[in-house]
Amino acid sequence: MDEKGNIIQQADMGSMREQIWSAGINDQETRKTISGAWSTYNLMLEPHGAVGWAGLMKYFGNHPEDHTAGQLAISLETAHPAKFPKEINEILHIDPELPESLKGLETKPEHFTGMKNDYGIFKQFLKDNYR
């Protein structure tokens, strides 16, 4: 698919089915995952991260051959639990502490730069501005 959404080449669905695994996680499962990760591992997940963790656990449930002691598995958080204080408090009865790096963020000015949807331009922007 190009940047405008035009299909250039049809996807190889057979290959995708062999290489990609997916799971659906509902709100109840998300809350249960947040609670379970906290009680089992003392790991505080935020809702999006909990969906990823629950998906990983479902994968291992469906593919026990991949769930071995030496198997590396990664689940990424997309935010800090303090971004969801109400949800975390309702589930864990804890007020997640806002990290020092995020304190006062809501009072800081917002900055953004518009640019053409072009990877080369974006790459150059990063090189020029973030060394």
N, C-alpha and C. Protein backbone atom coordinates (compact mmCIF):
# COMPACT_ATOMS: atom_id res chain seq x y z
N MET A 1 0.84 -1.17 0.00
CA MET A 1 0.00 0.00 0.00
C MET A 1 0.89 1.24 0.00
N ASP A 2 0.54 2.22 -0.82
CA ASP A 2 1.32 3.46 -0.81
C ASP A 2 0.76 4.42 0.25
N GLU A 3 1.39 5.60 0.35
CA GLU A 3 1.01 6.55 1.39
C GLU A 3 -0.39 7.12 1.23
N LYS A 4 -1.02 6.92 0.07
CA LYS A 4 -2.38 7.39 -0.15
C LYS A 4 -3.41 6.29 0.04
N GLY A 5 -2.96 5.08 0.39
CA GLY A 5 -3.88 3.97 0.63
C GLY A 5 -4.18 3.13 -0.59
N ASN A 6 -3.50 3.38 -1.69
CA ASN A 6 -3.70 2.59 -2.89
C ASN A 6 -2.98 1.25 -2.76
N ILE A 7 -3.68 0.18 -3.08
CA ILE A 7 -3.10 -1.16 -3.01
C ILE A 7 -2.24 -1.38 -4.25
N ILE A 8 -0.95 -1.57 -4.03
CA ILE A 8 -0.02 -1.79 -5.13
C ILE A 8 0.11 -3.28 -5.40
N GLN A 9 0.16 -4.05 -4.32
CA GLN A 9 0.30 -5.50 -4.44
C GLN A 9 -0.57 -6.14 -3.36
N GLN A 10 -1.34 -7.12 -3.74
CA GLN A 10 -2.19 -7.81 -2.77
C GLN A 10 -1.31 -8.54 -1.75
N ALA A 11 -1.76 -8.54 -0.51
CA ALA A 11 -1.02 -9.21 0.56
C ALA A 11 -1.05 -10.72 0.35
N ASP A 12 0.03 -11.37 0.72
CA ASP A 12 0.11 -12.82 0.70
C ASP A 12 -0.49 -13.32 2.03
N MET A 13 -1.78 -13.56 2.02
CA MET A 13 -2.49 -13.91 3.25
C MET A 13 -1.98 -15.21 3.86
N GLY A 14 -1.60 -16.15 3.05
CA GLY A 14 -1.07 -17.41 3.57
C GLY A 14 0.21 -17.18 4.36
N SER A 15 1.09 -16.38 3.80
CA SER A 15 2.34 -16.07 4.49
C SER A 15 2.08 -15.28 5.76
N MET A 16 1.14 -14.32 5.69
CA MET A 16 0.81 -13.53 6.88
C MET A 16 0.25 -14.42 7.99
N ARG A 17 -0.60 -15.38 7.62
CA ARG A 17 -1.17 -16.28 8.64
C ARG A 17 -0.10 -17.14 9.30
N GLU A 18 0.96 -17.45 8.56
CA GLU A 18 2.06 -18.23 9.13
C GLU A 18 2.94 -17.39 10.05
N GLN A 19 3.05 -16.10 9.79
CA GLN A 19 4.02 -15.26 10.49
C GLN A 19 3.41 -14.32 11.54
N ILE A 20 2.13 -14.09 11.48
CA ILE A 20 1.49 -13.14 12.39
C ILE A 20 0.43 -13.87 13.21
N TRP A 21 0.42 -13.61 14.51
CA TRP A 21 -0.58 -14.19 15.39
C TRP A 21 -1.26 -13.02 16.11
N SER A 22 -2.55 -13.09 16.27
CA SER A 22 -3.26 -11.99 16.94
C SER A 22 -4.25 -12.54 17.95
N ALA A 23 -4.64 -11.67 18.86
CA ALA A 23 -5.61 -12.01 19.88
C ALA A 23 -6.47 -10.80 20.17
N GLY A 24 -7.69 -11.02 20.53
CA GLY A 24 -8.57 -9.95 20.98
C GLY A 24 -8.61 -9.93 22.50
N ILE A 25 -8.52 -8.76 23.08
CA ILE A 25 -8.54 -8.60 24.53
C ILE A 25 -9.64 -7.60 24.86
N ASN A 26 -10.61 -8.01 25.69
CA ASN A 26 -11.69 -7.09 26.04
C ASN A 26 -11.35 -6.31 27.32
N ASP A 27 -12.23 -5.38 27.69
CA ASP A 27 -11.97 -4.53 28.86
C ASP A 27 -11.85 -5.34 30.15
N GLN A 28 -12.69 -6.35 30.30
CA GLN A 28 -12.63 -7.18 31.51
C GLN A 28 -11.27 -7.90 31.59
N GLU A 29 -10.81 -8.44 30.47
CA GLU A 29 -9.50 -9.11 30.44
C GLU A 29 -8.37 -8.11 30.73
N THR A 30 -8.52 -6.90 30.23
CA THR A 30 -7.51 -5.86 30.48
C THR A 30 -7.40 -5.57 31.97
N ARG A 31 -8.54 -5.37 32.62
CA ARG A 31 -8.54 -5.10 34.07
C ARG A 31 -7.97 -6.29 34.84
N LYS A 32 -8.36 -7.50 34.45
CA LYS A 32 -7.85 -8.70 35.12
C LYS A 32 -6.34 -8.82 34.94
N THR A 33 -5.84 -8.46 33.78
CA THR A 33 -4.40 -8.52 33.51
C THR A 33 -3.65 -7.51 34.37
N ILE A 34 -4.18 -6.30 34.49
CA ILE A 34 -3.54 -5.28 35.34
C ILE A 34 -3.47 -5.79 36.78
N SER A 35 -4.57 -6.33 37.26
CA SER A 35 -4.62 -6.86 38.62
C SER A 35 -3.66 -8.04 38.80
N GLY A 36 -3.67 -8.95 37.85
CA GLY A 36 -2.83 -10.14 37.94
C GLY A 36 -1.34 -9.84 37.87
N ALA A 37 -0.96 -8.93 37.00
CA ALA A 37 0.46 -8.56 36.88
C ALA A 37 0.94 -7.90 38.17
N TRP A 38 0.06 -7.11 38.78
CA TRP A 38 0.43 -6.45 40.03
C TRP A 38 0.57 -7.47 41.17
N SER A 39 -0.42 -8.34 41.30
CA SER A 39 -0.38 -9.29 42.42
C SER A 39 0.68 -10.38 42.23
N THR A 40 0.96 -10.76 41.01
CA THR A 40 1.94 -11.82 40.75
C THR A 40 3.37 -11.31 40.69
N TYR A 41 3.57 -10.17 40.00
CA TYR A 41 4.93 -9.70 39.73
C TYR A 41 5.26 -8.33 40.34
N ASN A 42 4.29 -7.73 41.02
CA ASN A 42 4.46 -6.36 41.51
C ASN A 42 4.77 -5.43 40.34
N LEU A 43 4.13 -5.71 39.21
CA LEU A 43 4.32 -4.99 37.95
C LEU A 43 3.07 -4.19 37.67
N MET A 44 3.19 -2.87 37.61
CA MET A 44 2.04 -2.03 37.35
C MET A 44 1.96 -1.74 35.86
N LEU A 45 0.95 -2.30 35.21
CA LEU A 45 0.72 -2.09 33.79
C LEU A 45 -0.33 -1.01 33.60
N GLU A 46 -0.20 -0.25 32.53
CA GLU A 46 -1.28 0.66 32.13
C GLU A 46 -2.18 -0.11 31.16
N PRO A 47 -3.38 0.39 30.85
CA PRO A 47 -4.31 -0.39 30.04
C PRO A 47 -3.78 -0.87 28.69
N HIS A 48 -3.08 -0.02 27.95
CA HIS A 48 -2.58 -0.47 26.65
C HIS A 48 -1.51 -1.54 26.80
N GLY A 49 -0.62 -1.35 27.75
CA GLY A 49 0.40 -2.35 28.03
C GLY A 49 -0.20 -3.66 28.50
N ALA A 50 -1.31 -3.56 29.26
CA ALA A 50 -1.99 -4.76 29.73
C ALA A 50 -2.56 -5.56 28.57
N VAL A 51 -3.04 -4.88 27.55
CA VAL A 51 -3.55 -5.57 26.37
C VAL A 51 -2.42 -6.34 25.69
N GLY A 52 -1.25 -5.71 25.57
CA GLY A 52 -0.10 -6.39 24.99
C GLY A 52 0.32 -7.59 25.82
N TRP A 53 0.37 -7.42 27.14
CA TRP A 53 0.76 -8.50 28.04
C TRP A 53 -0.25 -9.65 27.95
N ALA A 54 -1.53 -9.32 27.95
CA ALA A 54 -2.57 -10.35 27.86
C ALA A 54 -2.47 -11.09 26.53
N GLY A 55 -2.18 -10.36 25.45
CA GLY A 55 -2.00 -11.01 24.16
C GLY A 55 -0.83 -11.96 24.17
N LEU A 56 0.26 -11.56 24.80
CA LEU A 56 1.43 -12.42 24.91
C LEU A 56 1.10 -13.68 25.71
N MET A 57 0.37 -13.51 26.80
CA MET A 57 -0.01 -14.66 27.62
C MET A 57 -0.95 -15.60 26.84
N LYS A 58 -1.85 -15.02 26.03
CA LYS A 58 -2.72 -15.87 25.20
C LYS A 58 -1.89 -16.62 24.16
N TYR A 59 -0.91 -15.94 23.60
CA TYR A 59 -0.05 -16.60 22.62
C TYR A 59 0.63 -17.81 23.26
N PHE A 60 1.21 -17.62 24.43
CA PHE A 60 1.88 -18.73 25.11
C PHE A 60 0.89 -19.84 25.47
N GLY A 61 -0.35 -19.46 25.80
CA GLY A 61 -1.37 -20.48 26.08
C GLY A 61 -1.70 -21.31 24.86
N ASN A 62 -1.65 -20.68 23.68
CA ASN A 62 -1.95 -21.37 22.42
C ASN A 62 -0.72 -22.00 21.79
N HIS A 63 0.47 -21.60 22.25
CA HIS A 63 1.72 -22.11 21.69
C HIS A 63 2.68 -22.46 22.84
N PRO A 64 2.33 -23.46 23.64
CA PRO A 64 3.18 -23.80 24.80
C PRO A 64 4.61 -24.18 24.40
N GLU A 65 4.79 -24.64 23.18
CA GLU A 65 6.14 -25.00 22.72
C GLU A 65 7.06 -23.78 22.66
N ASP A 66 6.49 -22.58 22.57
CA ASP A 66 7.28 -21.35 22.53
C ASP A 66 7.50 -20.75 23.92
N HIS A 67 6.86 -21.32 24.93
CA HIS A 67 6.95 -20.78 26.29
C HIS A 67 7.93 -21.62 27.11
N THR A 68 9.21 -21.40 26.81
CA THR A 68 10.25 -22.16 27.49
C THR A 68 11.08 -21.21 28.35
N ALA A 69 11.85 -21.77 29.27
CA ALA A 69 12.64 -20.97 30.20
C ALA A 69 13.61 -20.04 29.47
N GLY A 70 14.15 -20.47 28.36
CA GLY A 70 15.13 -19.66 27.65
C GLY A 70 14.56 -18.73 26.60
N GLN A 71 13.24 -18.76 26.41
CA GLN A 71 12.60 -17.96 25.36
C GLN A 71 12.49 -16.50 25.77
N LEU A 72 13.01 -15.60 24.95
CA LEU A 72 12.88 -14.18 25.18
C LEU A 72 11.52 -13.72 24.64
N ALA A 73 10.80 -12.99 25.45
CA ALA A 73 9.52 -12.41 25.03
C ALA A 73 9.48 -10.97 25.52
N ILE A 74 8.98 -10.08 24.70
CA ILE A 74 8.95 -8.66 25.05
C ILE A 74 7.53 -8.15 24.92
N SER A 75 7.09 -7.43 25.94
CA SER A 75 5.81 -6.75 25.92
C SER A 75 6.09 -5.28 26.21
N LEU A 76 5.67 -4.39 25.34
CA LEU A 76 5.99 -2.97 25.47
C LEU A 76 4.82 -2.18 26.05
N GLU A 77 5.13 -1.30 26.97
CA GLU A 77 4.15 -0.34 27.47
C GLU A 77 4.11 0.85 26.51
N THR A 78 2.96 1.46 26.37
CA THR A 78 2.86 2.64 25.51
C THR A 78 2.75 3.92 26.30
N ALA A 79 2.57 3.81 27.59
CA ALA A 79 2.40 4.99 28.44
C ALA A 79 2.80 4.63 29.86
N HIS A 80 2.76 5.61 30.73
CA HIS A 80 3.01 5.37 32.15
C HIS A 80 1.65 5.15 32.83
N PRO A 81 1.58 4.24 33.81
CA PRO A 81 0.30 4.03 34.52
C PRO A 81 -0.29 5.31 35.09
N ALA A 82 0.54 6.31 35.42
CA ALA A 82 0.02 7.56 35.97
C ALA A 82 -0.80 8.34 34.94
N LYS A 83 -0.72 7.97 33.68
CA LYS A 83 -1.55 8.60 32.65
C LYS A 83 -3.01 8.15 32.81
N PHE A 84 -3.22 7.06 33.53
CA PHE A 84 -4.55 6.48 33.73
C PHE A 84 -4.85 6.34 35.22
N PRO A 85 -4.76 7.44 35.99
CA PRO A 85 -4.88 7.32 37.44
C PRO A 85 -6.22 6.76 37.90
N LYS A 86 -7.30 7.15 37.25
CA LYS A 86 -8.63 6.67 37.66
C LYS A 86 -8.74 5.16 37.49
N GLU A 87 -8.33 4.67 36.31
CA GLU A 87 -8.43 3.23 36.04
C GLU A 87 -7.54 2.42 36.98
N ILE A 88 -6.31 2.90 37.19
CA ILE A 88 -5.38 2.18 38.06
C ILE A 88 -5.91 2.17 39.49
N ASN A 89 -6.46 3.29 39.95
CA ASN A 89 -7.01 3.35 41.30
C ASN A 89 -8.21 2.43 41.45
N GLU A 90 -9.07 2.38 40.44
CA GLU A 90 -10.26 1.50 40.50
C GLU A 90 -9.86 0.03 40.55
N ILE A 91 -8.80 -0.34 39.85
CA ILE A 91 -8.39 -1.74 39.76
C ILE A 91 -7.49 -2.15 40.93
N LEU A 92 -6.49 -1.32 41.23
CA LEU A 92 -5.47 -1.69 42.22
C LEU A 92 -5.61 -0.95 43.55
N HIS A 93 -6.48 0.07 43.59
CA HIS A 93 -6.66 0.89 44.78
C HIS A 93 -5.34 1.57 45.15
N ILE A 94 -4.63 2.01 44.12
CA ILE A 94 -3.35 2.70 44.26
C ILE A 94 -3.41 3.94 43.38
N ASP A 95 -2.86 5.04 43.88
CA ASP A 95 -2.69 6.22 43.05
C ASP A 95 -1.28 6.18 42.48
N PRO A 96 -1.15 5.89 41.18
CA PRO A 96 0.19 5.80 40.60
C PRO A 96 0.89 7.15 40.66
N GLU A 97 2.14 7.14 41.12
CA GLU A 97 2.90 8.37 41.25
C GLU A 97 3.39 8.83 39.89
N LEU A 98 3.19 10.09 39.61
CA LEU A 98 3.64 10.67 38.36
C LEU A 98 5.16 10.79 38.38
N PRO A 99 5.85 10.27 37.37
CA PRO A 99 7.31 10.38 37.35
C PRO A 99 7.74 11.85 37.31
N GLU A 100 8.88 12.12 37.89
CA GLU A 100 9.42 13.50 37.93
C GLU A 100 9.48 14.10 36.53
N SER A 101 9.83 13.29 35.55
CA SER A 101 9.97 13.79 34.18
C SER A 101 8.65 14.26 33.57
N LEU A 102 7.52 13.84 34.13
CA LEU A 102 6.22 14.23 33.59
C LEU A 102 5.52 15.30 34.43
N LYS A 103 6.07 15.63 35.59
CA LYS A 103 5.44 16.63 36.45
C LYS A 103 5.47 17.99 35.77
N GLY A 104 4.33 18.67 35.77
CA GLY A 104 4.20 19.99 35.17
C GLY A 104 4.06 19.96 33.66
N LEU A 105 3.98 18.78 33.07
CA LEU A 105 3.91 18.66 31.62
C LEU A 105 2.70 19.40 31.04
N GLU A 106 1.58 19.35 31.77
CA GLU A 106 0.36 19.97 31.26
C GLU A 106 0.45 21.49 31.17
N THR A 107 1.43 22.10 31.84
CA THR A 107 1.57 23.56 31.80
C THR A 107 2.62 24.03 30.79
N LYS A 108 3.34 23.11 30.20
CA LYS A 108 4.39 23.48 29.25
C LYS A 108 3.78 23.76 27.87
N PRO A 109 4.39 24.66 27.11
CA PRO A 109 3.85 24.95 25.78
C PRO A 109 4.03 23.75 24.84
N GLU A 110 3.08 23.59 23.95
CA GLU A 110 3.14 22.50 22.97
C GLU A 110 3.81 23.02 21.71
N HIS A 111 4.70 22.21 21.15
CA HIS A 111 5.39 22.57 19.92
C HIS A 111 5.19 21.44 18.91
N PHE A 112 5.02 21.78 17.66
CA PHE A 112 4.93 20.77 16.62
C PHE A 112 5.47 21.34 15.33
N THR A 113 5.90 20.46 14.48
CA THR A 113 6.42 20.83 13.17
C THR A 113 5.69 20.02 12.12
N GLY A 114 5.11 20.70 11.17
CA GLY A 114 4.45 20.02 10.06
C GLY A 114 5.46 19.72 8.97
N MET A 115 5.26 18.61 8.31
CA MET A 115 6.15 18.27 7.20
C MET A 115 5.43 17.33 6.24
N LYS A 116 5.97 17.25 5.04
CA LYS A 116 5.44 16.36 4.02
C LYS A 116 5.60 14.91 4.48
N ASN A 117 4.69 14.05 4.10
CA ASN A 117 4.74 12.63 4.44
C ASN A 117 5.79 11.96 3.56
N ASP A 118 7.05 12.09 3.98
CA ASP A 118 8.16 11.58 3.20
C ASP A 118 9.25 11.14 4.17
N TYR A 119 9.63 9.87 4.12
CA TYR A 119 10.61 9.34 5.08
C TYR A 119 11.94 10.07 5.00
N GLY A 120 12.40 10.38 3.82
CA GLY A 120 13.68 11.08 3.66
C GLY A 120 13.67 12.44 4.35
N ILE A 121 12.58 13.16 4.21
CA ILE A 121 12.45 14.47 4.86
C ILE A 121 12.43 14.28 6.38
N PHE A 122 11.69 13.30 6.85
CA PHE A 122 11.61 13.03 8.28
C PHE A 122 12.98 12.64 8.84
N LYS A 123 13.68 11.77 8.13
CA LYS A 123 15.01 11.33 8.57
C LYS A 123 15.95 12.52 8.67
N GLN A 124 15.93 13.39 7.68
CA GLN A 124 16.80 14.56 7.70
C GLN A 124 16.42 15.49 8.84
N PHE A 125 15.15 15.65 9.10
CA PHE A 125 14.68 16.46 10.22
C PHE A 125 15.25 15.95 11.53
N LEU A 126 15.20 14.63 11.73
CA LEU A 126 15.75 14.04 12.95
C LEU A 126 17.25 14.29 13.05
N LYS A 127 17.96 14.09 11.96
CA LYS A 127 19.41 14.31 11.96
C LYS A 127 19.75 15.76 12.28
N ASP A 128 18.99 16.69 11.71
CA ASP A 128 19.27 18.11 11.90
C ASP A 128 18.92 18.61 13.30
N ASN A 129 17.96 17.98 13.93
CA ASN A 129 17.44 18.52 15.19
C ASN A 129 17.71 17.70 16.44
N TYR A 130 18.08 16.44 16.30
CA TYR A 130 18.23 15.59 17.48
C TYR A 130 19.50 14.76 17.40
N ARG A 131 20.60 15.38 17.63
CA ARG A 131 21.89 14.66 17.62
C ARG A 131 22.27 14.25 18.99
